[in-house]
Amino acid sequence: MAAEQNILLDPSIRDWVLLPLIVIVLFMGVLRHYAGILMNSSSRPDMVRICNVNIQNYGRLLLSGGAVLSPESFKHRAEHMLNGMLKKKVDPVNPMEMMNDPNLMSGLLKNQFMMMVPNIGMMMLVSYFFSGFVVAKFPFPLSHRFREMMQRGLEIDVLNCNYVTSLSLYFLIMSGNQGLLELLLGEDVEAEGTNAMIMQQMPQAPAQPVDFAKVFKQIADELEFVKGRHRWAYGNAADVLLKKWRSQKRAKSAAVKRR
């Protein structure tokens, strides 16, 4: 096998290939984000579902963090939920309701469109204008297994595996531009790159409807079980604090006597 060769990169590649490639990918990510916002149809929120979700979250929070409440406060809140919110009448779940929703399918198609079309366009753009360029070199050694990933579009077996082609760098930027996009947009954005490509082939399944009647019954049973067995986490806080203060005072007195 021939020895691997090193090459000297022209500084013009940095100015005319590397930097434009980074700018184009970031610009496409920003454009895709705002285009997705514009294409999303504004639907009215389901207030009944929002109220049910809030009741569920409050019940879970009371069960998980109720130890910080005094027994009287916990009992009062538990009885308020058991006699009020958890007895709320909830409509039965219709499994076919979401399947018959036309907005669901149109939303999925729009998401797939926004994922697929920009990626195809960017691939064609990079392949046409920037194909065949070696744009960078990693400062650490890589094994031969990385050659196919780092040198896409370039068939030179004797070239050192540390060199990266423009097409491979495009995929690397796409998979790692999430932080830069959040910095530019000042808000959370959907993951780009490989996650977006996976989403094209494996679209997300619609969320299953939640049977809040069963959820409320489960929370009520757990509250009934915990209500009589509540233990206050700060019940002996005064004794613990006093004991800690006494130990610190004794340590200071012992230190003074040693002097």
C-alpha atoms as a PDB file:
ATOM      1  CA  MET A   1       0.000   0.000   0.000  1.00  0.00           C
ATOM      2  CA  ALA A   2       1.353   3.430  -0.930  1.00  0.00           C
ATOM      3  CA  ALA A   3       2.219   5.877   1.820  1.00  0.00           C
ATOM      4  CA  GLU A   4      -0.364   8.537   2.565  1.00  0.00           C
ATOM      5  CA  GLN A   5       0.419  11.943   1.128  1.00  0.00           C
ATOM      6  CA  ASN A   6       0.003  15.401   2.582  1.00  0.00           C
ATOM      7  CA  ILE A   7      -0.925  18.411   0.476  1.00  0.00           C
ATOM      8  CA  LEU A   8      -0.711  22.164   0.920  1.00  0.00           C
ATOM      9  CA  LEU A   9      -4.107  23.862   0.926  1.00  0.00           C
ATOM     10  CA  ASP A  10      -4.491  27.092  -1.015  1.00  0.00           C
ATOM     11  CA  PRO A  11      -5.650  29.987   1.240  1.00  0.00           C
ATOM     12  CA  SER A  12      -8.101  30.962  -1.491  1.00  0.00           C
ATOM     13  CA  ILE A  13     -10.079  27.781  -0.747  1.00  0.00           C
ATOM     14  CA  ARG A  14     -10.813  29.175   2.696  1.00  0.00           C
ATOM     15  CA  ASP A  15     -12.139  32.445   1.236  1.00  0.00           C
ATOM     16  CA  TRP A  16     -14.054  31.054  -1.747  1.00  0.00           C
ATOM     17  CA  VAL A  17     -15.199  27.629  -0.553  1.00  0.00           C
ATOM     18  CA  LEU A  18     -15.030  27.141   3.225  1.00  0.00           C
ATOM     19  CA  LEU A  19     -16.494  30.450   4.420  1.00  0.00           C
ATOM     20  CA  PRO A  20     -19.238  30.633   1.731  1.00  0.00           C
ATOM     21  CA  LEU A  21     -20.224  27.048   2.548  1.00  0.00           C
ATOM     22  CA  ILE A  22     -20.640  27.861   6.249  1.00  0.00           C
ATOM     23  CA  VAL A  23     -22.589  31.054   5.504  1.00  0.00           C
ATOM     24  CA  ILE A  24     -24.901  29.313   3.018  1.00  0.00           C
ATOM     25  CA  VAL A  25     -25.715  26.464   5.418  1.00  0.00           C
ATOM     26  CA  LEU A  26     -26.463  28.868   8.295  1.00  0.00           C
ATOM     27  CA  PHE A  27     -28.552  31.109   6.042  1.00  0.00           C
ATOM     28  CA  MET A  28     -30.537  28.098   4.843  1.00  0.00           C
ATOM     29  CA  GLY A  29     -31.148  27.033   8.445  1.00  0.00           C
ATOM     30  CA  VAL A  30     -32.478  30.488   9.366  1.00  0.00           C
ATOM     31  CA  LEU A  31     -34.589  30.643   6.199  1.00  0.00           C
ATOM     32  CA  ARG A  32     -36.041  27.191   6.871  1.00  0.00           C
ATOM     33  CA  HIS A  33     -36.901  28.153  10.442  1.00  0.00           C
ATOM     34  CA  TYR A  34     -38.882  31.267   9.477  1.00  0.00           C
ATOM     35  CA  ALA A  35     -40.477  29.550   6.482  1.00  0.00           C
ATOM     36  CA  GLY A  36     -41.693  26.813   8.820  1.00  0.00           C
ATOM     37  CA  ILE A  37     -43.218  29.436  11.118  1.00  0.00           C
ATOM     38  CA  LEU A  38     -45.019  31.083   8.183  1.00  0.00           C
ATOM     39  CA  MET A  39     -46.307  27.787   6.789  1.00  0.00           C
ATOM     40  CA  ASN A  40     -47.649  26.501  10.079  1.00  0.00           C
ATOM     41  CA  SER A  41     -51.352  27.139  10.122  1.00  0.00           C
ATOM     42  CA  SER A  42     -52.493  29.028  13.198  1.00  0.00           C
ATOM     43  CA  SER A  43     -54.961  26.740  14.956  1.00  0.00           C
ATOM     44  CA  ARG A  44     -56.984  27.682  18.023  1.00  0.00           C
ATOM     45  CA  PRO A  45     -55.765  25.959  21.193  1.00  0.00           C
ATOM     46  CA  ASP A  46     -58.003  23.356  22.806  1.00  0.00           C
ATOM     47  CA  MET A  47     -58.744  24.999  26.148  1.00  0.00           C
ATOM     48  CA  VAL A  48     -60.341  21.871  27.616  1.00  0.00           C
ATOM     49  CA  ARG A  49     -57.242  19.825  26.881  1.00  0.00           C
ATOM     50  CA  ILE A  50     -54.981  22.552  28.272  1.00  0.00           C
ATOM     51  CA  CYS A  51     -56.981  22.613  31.526  1.00  0.00           C
ATOM     52  CA  ASN A  52     -56.798  18.819  31.806  1.00  0.00           C
ATOM     53  CA  VAL A  53     -53.054  18.845  31.215  1.00  0.00           C
ATOM     54  CA  ASN A  54     -52.612  21.511  33.902  1.00  0.00           C
ATOM     55  CA  ILE A  55     -54.615  19.427  36.387  1.00  0.00           C
ATOM     56  CA  GLN A  56     -52.510  16.382  35.550  1.00  0.00           C
ATOM     57  CA  ASN A  57     -49.254  18.311  35.976  1.00  0.00           C
ATOM     58  CA  TYR A  58     -50.404  19.823  39.281  1.00  0.00           C
ATOM     59  CA  GLY A  59     -51.348  16.400  40.625  1.00  0.00           C
ATOM     60  CA  ARG A  60     -48.006  14.892  39.581  1.00  0.00           C
ATOM     61  CA  LEU A  61     -46.164  17.832  41.120  1.00  0.00           C
ATOM     62  CA  LEU A  62     -48.076  17.446  44.387  1.00  0.00           C
ATOM     63  CA  LEU A  63     -47.231  13.746  44.523  1.00  0.00           C
ATOM     64  CA  SER A  64     -43.544  14.189  43.692  1.00  0.00           C
ATOM     65  CA  GLY A  65     -42.803  17.337  45.717  1.00  0.00           C
ATOM     66  CA  GLY A  66     -45.393  17.163  48.482  1.00  0.00           C
ATOM     67  CA  ALA A  67     -42.770  16.275  51.075  1.00  0.00           C
ATOM     68  CA  VAL A  68     -41.726  19.940  51.303  1.00  0.00           C
ATOM     69  CA  LEU A  69     -45.247  20.913  52.443  1.00  0.00           C
ATOM     70  CA  SER A  70     -46.432  20.726  56.009  1.00  0.00           C
ATOM     71  CA  PRO A  71     -49.002  17.980  56.779  1.00  0.00           C
ATOM     72  CA  GLU A  72     -51.821  20.547  57.006  1.00  0.00           C
ATOM     73  CA  SER A  73     -50.915  22.194  53.683  1.00  0.00           C
ATOM     74  CA  PHE A  74     -50.513  18.863  51.896  1.00  0.00           C
ATOM     75  CA  LYS A  75     -53.802  17.531  53.270  1.00  0.00           C
ATOM     76  CA  HIS A  76     -55.641  20.723  52.280  1.00  0.00           C
ATOM     77  CA  ARG A  77     -54.305  20.601  48.713  1.00  0.00           C
ATOM     78  CA  ALA A  78     -54.933  16.872  48.348  1.00  0.00           C
ATOM     79  CA  GLU A  79     -58.549  17.190  49.540  1.00  0.00           C
ATOM     80  CA  HIS A  80     -59.073  20.166  47.239  1.00  0.00           C
ATOM     81  CA  MET A  81     -57.961  18.067  44.268  1.00  0.00           C
ATOM     82  CA  LEU A  82     -59.869  14.945  45.341  1.00  0.00           C
ATOM     83  CA  ASN A  83     -63.131  16.814  45.908  1.00  0.00           C
ATOM     84  CA  GLY A  84     -62.792  19.276  43.054  1.00  0.00           C
ATOM     85  CA  MET A  85     -60.515  19.058  40.041  1.00  0.00           C
ATOM     86  CA  LEU A  86     -60.124  15.273  39.911  1.00  0.00           C
ATOM     87  CA  LYS A  87     -63.912  14.805  39.950  1.00  0.00           C
ATOM     88  CA  LYS A  88     -64.245  16.848  36.789  1.00  0.00           C
ATOM     89  CA  LYS A  89     -66.325  15.166  34.097  1.00  0.00           C
ATOM     90  CA  VAL A  90     -64.157  14.251  31.123  1.00  0.00           C
ATOM     91  CA  ASP A  91     -65.462  13.318  27.688  1.00  0.00           C
ATOM     92  CA  PRO A  92     -64.503   9.797  26.522  1.00  0.00           C
ATOM     93  CA  VAL A  93     -61.608   9.478  24.119  1.00  0.00           C
ATOM     94  CA  ASN A  94     -62.386   8.929  20.455  1.00  0.00           C
ATOM     95  CA  PRO A  95     -59.406   7.128  18.816  1.00  0.00           C
ATOM     96  CA  MET A  96     -60.598   8.096  15.327  1.00  0.00           C
ATOM     97  CA  GLU A  97     -60.768  11.787  16.147  1.00  0.00           C
ATOM     98  CA  MET A  98     -57.161  12.528  15.252  1.00  0.00           C
ATOM     99  CA  MET A  99     -57.247  10.328  12.147  1.00  0.00           C
ATOM    100  CA  ASN A 100     -60.122  12.380  10.754  1.00  0.00           C
ATOM    101  CA  ASP A 101     -58.393  15.706  11.401  1.00  0.00           C
ATOM    102  CA  PRO A 102     -57.344  17.194   8.025  1.00  0.00           C
ATOM    103  CA  ASN A 103     -55.028  19.695   9.719  1.00  0.00           C
ATOM    104  CA  LEU A 104     -52.917  16.818  11.026  1.00  0.00           C
ATOM    105  CA  MET A 105     -52.094  15.408   7.580  1.00  0.00           C
ATOM    106  CA  SER A 106     -51.516  18.841   6.072  1.00  0.00           C
ATOM    107  CA  GLY A 107     -49.156  19.701   8.927  1.00  0.00           C
ATOM    108  CA  LEU A 108     -47.183  16.497   8.392  1.00  0.00           C
ATOM    109  CA  LEU A 109     -46.935  17.157   4.650  1.00  0.00           C
ATOM    110  CA  LYS A 110     -45.740  20.716   5.258  1.00  0.00           C
ATOM    111  CA  ASN A 111     -43.078  19.510   7.669  1.00  0.00           C
ATOM    112  CA  GLN A 112     -41.859  16.906   5.189  1.00  0.00           C
ATOM    113  CA  PHE A 113     -41.817  19.530   2.442  1.00  0.00           C
ATOM    114  CA  MET A 114     -39.773  21.924   4.575  1.00  0.00           C
ATOM    115  CA  MET A 115     -37.306  19.160   5.416  1.00  0.00           C
ATOM    116  CA  MET A 116     -36.899  17.587   1.987  1.00  0.00           C
ATOM    117  CA  VAL A 117     -36.839  20.468  -0.502  1.00  0.00           C
ATOM    118  CA  PRO A 118     -34.112  22.604   1.189  1.00  0.00           C
ATOM    119  CA  ASN A 119     -31.893  19.555   1.694  1.00  0.00           C
ATOM    120  CA  ILE A 120     -32.209  18.532  -1.960  1.00  0.00           C
ATOM    121  CA  GLY A 121     -31.493  22.086  -3.086  1.00  0.00           C
ATOM    122  CA  MET A 122     -28.473  22.407  -0.805  1.00  0.00           C
ATOM    123  CA  MET A 123     -27.084  19.059  -1.954  1.00  0.00           C
ATOM    124  CA  MET A 124     -27.382  20.119  -5.604  1.00  0.00           C
ATOM    125  CA  LEU A 125     -25.812  23.518  -4.850  1.00  0.00           C
ATOM    126  CA  VAL A 126     -22.860  22.074  -2.945  1.00  0.00           C
ATOM    127  CA  SER A 127     -22.309  19.305  -5.503  1.00  0.00           C
ATOM    128  CA  TYR A 128     -22.375  21.768  -8.418  1.00  0.00           C
ATOM    129  CA  PHE A 129     -20.282  24.655  -7.053  1.00  0.00           C
ATOM    130  CA  PHE A 130     -18.056  23.115  -4.376  1.00  0.00           C
ATOM    131  CA  SER A 131     -17.513  19.474  -5.373  1.00  0.00           C
ATOM    132  CA  GLY A 132     -13.958  18.119  -5.476  1.00  0.00           C
ATOM    133  CA  PHE A 133     -12.432  20.693  -3.100  1.00  0.00           C
ATOM    134  CA  VAL A 134     -10.317  19.729  -0.095  1.00  0.00           C
ATOM    135  CA  VAL A 135     -11.192  22.505   2.334  1.00  0.00           C
ATOM    136  CA  ALA A 136      -9.660  21.619   5.711  1.00  0.00           C
ATOM    137  CA  LYS A 137      -7.420  19.267   7.663  1.00  0.00           C
ATOM    138  CA  PHE A 138      -8.047  17.939  11.149  1.00  0.00           C
ATOM    139  CA  PRO A 139      -5.160  18.516  13.593  1.00  0.00           C
ATOM    140  CA  PHE A 140      -5.484  14.978  14.984  1.00  0.00           C
ATOM    141  CA  PRO A 141      -4.977  11.628  13.211  1.00  0.00           C
ATOM    142  CA  LEU A 142      -7.899   9.572  11.906  1.00  0.00           C
ATOM    143  CA  SER A 143      -8.039   5.911  10.962  1.00  0.00           C
ATOM    144  CA  HIS A 144      -8.804   4.625   7.460  1.00  0.00           C
ATOM    145  CA  ARG A 145     -12.388   3.889   8.477  1.00  0.00           C
ATOM    146  CA  PHE A 146     -13.100   7.629   8.416  1.00  0.00           C
ATOM    147  CA  ARG A 147     -11.933   8.086   4.822  1.00  0.00           C
ATOM    148  CA  GLU A 148     -15.342   7.463   3.279  1.00  0.00           C
ATOM    149  CA  MET A 149     -16.984   9.863   5.720  1.00  0.00           C
ATOM    150  CA  MET A 150     -14.372  12.639   5.557  1.00  0.00           C
ATOM    151  CA  GLN A 151     -13.581  12.537   1.817  1.00  0.00           C
ATOM    152  CA  ARG A 152     -16.901  12.184   0.033  1.00  0.00           C
ATOM    153  CA  GLY A 153     -16.750  13.068  -3.628  1.00  0.00           C
ATOM    154  CA  LEU A 154     -12.989  12.533  -3.826  1.00  0.00           C
ATOM    155  CA  GLU A 155     -11.512   9.176  -4.864  1.00  0.00           C
ATOM    156  CA  ILE A 156      -7.835   9.450  -3.878  1.00  0.00           C
ATOM    157  CA  ASP A 157      -6.751   6.504  -1.765  1.00  0.00           C
ATOM    158  CA  VAL A 158      -3.272   7.845  -0.983  1.00  0.00           C
ATOM    159  CA  LEU A 159      -4.529  11.121   0.513  1.00  0.00           C
ATOM    160  CA  ASN A 160      -4.213  11.468   4.276  1.00  0.00           C
ATOM    161  CA  CYS A 161      -7.494  10.739   6.084  1.00  0.00           C
ATOM    162  CA  ASN A 162      -7.235  14.002   8.041  1.00  0.00           C
ATOM    163  CA  TYR A 163      -8.245  16.055   5.005  1.00  0.00           C
ATOM    164  CA  VAL A 164     -11.930  16.946   4.620  1.00  0.00           C
ATOM    165  CA  THR A 165     -13.744  17.578   1.361  1.00  0.00           C
ATOM    166  CA  SER A 166     -16.419  20.200   0.838  1.00  0.00           C
ATOM    167  CA  LEU A 167     -19.242  17.650   0.622  1.00  0.00           C
ATOM    168  CA  SER A 168     -18.207  15.962   3.879  1.00  0.00           C
ATOM    169  CA  LEU A 169     -17.842  19.336   5.571  1.00  0.00           C
ATOM    170  CA  TYR A 170     -21.361  20.211   4.465  1.00  0.00           C
ATOM    171  CA  PHE A 171     -22.740  17.202   6.356  1.00  0.00           C
ATOM    172  CA  LEU A 172     -20.611  18.042   9.396  1.00  0.00           C
ATOM    173  CA  ILE A 173     -21.904  21.619   9.469  1.00  0.00           C
ATOM    174  CA  MET A 174     -25.487  20.450   9.015  1.00  0.00           C
ATOM    175  CA  SER A 175     -25.175  18.092  11.976  1.00  0.00           C
ATOM    176  CA  GLY A 176     -23.520  20.676  14.242  1.00  0.00           C
ATOM    177  CA  ASN A 177     -25.154  24.017  13.454  1.00  0.00           C
ATOM    178  CA  GLN A 178     -27.847  23.771  16.151  1.00  0.00           C
ATOM    179  CA  GLY A 179     -25.973  25.929  18.659  1.00  0.00           C
ATOM    180  CA  LEU A 180     -25.167  28.616  16.089  1.00  0.00           C
ATOM    181  CA  LEU A 181     -28.783  28.776  14.932  1.00  0.00           C
ATOM    182  CA  GLU A 182     -29.997  29.166  18.514  1.00  0.00           C
ATOM    183  CA  LEU A 183     -27.436  31.946  18.941  1.00  0.00           C
ATOM    184  CA  LEU A 184     -28.583  33.726  15.777  1.00  0.00           C
ATOM    185  CA  LEU A 185     -32.316  33.309  16.334  1.00  0.00           C
ATOM    186  CA  GLY A 186     -32.331  33.790  20.091  1.00  0.00           C
ATOM    187  CA  GLU A 187     -34.818  30.950  20.567  1.00  0.00           C
ATOM    188  CA  ASP A 188     -35.092  27.188  20.375  1.00  0.00           C
ATOM    189  CA  VAL A 189     -35.095  25.774  16.864  1.00  0.00           C
ATOM    190  CA  GLU A 190     -35.650  22.303  15.562  1.00  0.00           C
ATOM    191  CA  ALA A 191     -32.566  20.160  15.087  1.00  0.00           C
ATOM    192  CA  GLU A 192     -31.125  20.244  11.605  1.00  0.00           C
ATOM    193  CA  GLY A 193     -28.707  17.985   9.788  1.00  0.00           C
ATOM    194  CA  THR A 194     -28.890  14.255  10.298  1.00  0.00           C
ATOM    195  CA  ASN A 195     -32.010  14.495  12.453  1.00  0.00           C
ATOM    196  CA  ALA A 196     -33.802  16.284   9.642  1.00  0.00           C
ATOM    197  CA  MET A 197     -32.691  13.641   7.146  1.00  0.00           C
ATOM    198  CA  ILE A 198     -33.933  10.858   9.414  1.00  0.00           C
ATOM    199  CA  MET A 199     -37.261  12.652   9.762  1.00  0.00           C
ATOM    200  CA  GLN A 200     -37.677  12.562   5.980  1.00  0.00           C
ATOM    201  CA  GLN A 201     -37.601   8.771   6.005  1.00  0.00           C
ATOM    202  CA  MET A 202     -39.271   8.239   9.406  1.00  0.00           C
ATOM    203  CA  PRO A 203     -41.991  10.853   9.888  1.00  0.00           C
ATOM    204  CA  GLN A 204     -43.267  11.331  13.401  1.00  0.00           C
ATOM    205  CA  ALA A 205     -46.407   9.479  14.297  1.00  0.00           C
ATOM    206  CA  PRO A 206     -49.256  11.652  15.527  1.00  0.00           C
ATOM    207  CA  ALA A 207     -49.562  11.923  19.265  1.00  0.00           C
ATOM    208  CA  GLN A 208     -52.028   9.471  20.751  1.00  0.00           C
ATOM    209  CA  PRO A 209     -55.061  10.965  22.535  1.00  0.00           C
ATOM    210  CA  VAL A 210     -54.846  10.856  26.333  1.00  0.00           C
ATOM    211  CA  ASP A 211     -57.641   9.317  28.393  1.00  0.00           C
ATOM    212  CA  PHE A 212     -57.765  11.945  31.136  1.00  0.00           C
ATOM    213  CA  ALA A 213     -60.487  10.045  33.004  1.00  0.00           C
ATOM    214  CA  LYS A 214     -58.036   7.203  33.683  1.00  0.00           C
ATOM    215  CA  VAL A 215     -55.244   9.670  34.451  1.00  0.00           C
ATOM    216  CA  PHE A 216     -57.370  11.545  36.996  1.00  0.00           C
ATOM    217  CA  LYS A 217     -58.473   8.286  38.621  1.00  0.00           C
ATOM    218  CA  GLN A 218     -54.866   7.133  38.951  1.00  0.00           C
ATOM    219  CA  ILE A 219     -53.795  10.444  40.509  1.00  0.00           C
ATOM    220  CA  ALA A 220     -56.762  10.334  42.898  1.00  0.00           C
ATOM    221  CA  ASP A 221     -55.855   6.809  44.043  1.00  0.00           C
ATOM    222  CA  GLU A 222     -52.248   7.830  44.628  1.00  0.00           C
ATOM    223  CA  LEU A 223     -53.298  10.923  46.593  1.00  0.00           C
ATOM    224  CA  GLU A 224     -55.640   8.856  48.761  1.00  0.00           C
ATOM    225  CA  PHE A 225     -52.797   6.451  49.490  1.00  0.00           C
ATOM    226  CA  VAL A 226     -50.215   9.163  50.243  1.00  0.00           C
ATOM    227  CA  LYS A 227     -52.506  11.510  52.182  1.00  0.00           C
ATOM    228  CA  GLY A 228     -52.520   9.401  55.370  1.00  0.00           C
ATOM    229  CA  ARG A 229     -48.806   8.571  55.103  1.00  0.00           C
ATOM    230  CA  HIS A 230     -47.427  12.034  54.478  1.00  0.00           C
ATOM    231  CA  ARG A 231     -44.054  12.775  56.045  1.00  0.00           C
ATOM    232  CA  TRP A 232     -42.841  16.357  56.217  1.00  0.00           C
ATOM    233  CA  ALA A 233     -39.245  16.647  55.045  1.00  0.00           C
ATOM    234  CA  TYR A 234     -38.660  19.693  57.288  1.00  0.00           C
ATOM    235  CA  GLY A 235     -40.455  18.436  60.382  1.00  0.00           C
ATOM    236  CA  ASN A 236     -37.231  18.201  62.374  1.00  0.00           C
ATOM    237  CA  ALA A 237     -35.521  21.141  60.670  1.00  0.00           C
ATOM    238  CA  ALA A 238     -35.252  23.121  63.938  1.00  0.00           C
ATOM    239  CA  ASP A 239     -33.597  20.222  65.777  1.00  0.00           C
ATOM    240  CA  VAL A 240     -31.174  19.579  62.913  1.00  0.00           C
ATOM    241  CA  LEU A 241     -30.259  23.277  62.696  1.00  0.00           C
ATOM    242  CA  LEU A 242     -29.760  23.526  66.465  1.00  0.00           C
ATOM    243  CA  LYS A 243     -27.601  20.399  66.488  1.00  0.00           C
ATOM    244  CA  LYS A 244     -25.493  21.752  63.633  1.00  0.00           C
ATOM    245  CA  TRP A 245     -25.108  25.101  65.414  1.00  0.00           C
ATOM    246  CA  ARG A 246     -23.985  23.399  68.625  1.00  0.00           C
ATOM    247  CA  SER A 247     -21.419  21.264  66.800  1.00  0.00           C
ATOM    248  CA  GLN A 248     -19.996  24.331  65.055  1.00  0.00           C
ATOM    249  CA  LYS A 249     -19.845  26.212  68.357  1.00  0.00           C
ATOM    250  CA  ARG A 250     -18.003  23.320  70.024  1.00  0.00           C
ATOM    251  CA  ALA A 251     -15.547  23.152  67.134  1.00  0.00           C
ATOM    252  CA  LYS A 252     -14.808  26.876  67.449  1.00  0.00           C
ATOM    253  CA  SER A 253     -14.352  26.575  71.232  1.00  0.00           C
ATOM    254  CA  ALA A 254     -11.959  23.652  70.778  1.00  0.00           C
ATOM    255  CA  ALA A 255      -9.968  25.624  68.208  1.00  0.00           C
ATOM    256  CA  VAL A 256      -9.680  28.586  70.618  1.00  0.00           C
ATOM    257  CA  LYS A 257      -8.470  26.323  73.449  1.00  0.00           C
ATOM    258  CA  ARG A 258      -5.770  24.821  71.224  1.00  0.00           C
ATOM    259  CA  ARG A 259      -4.375  28.272  70.605  1.00  0.00           C
END
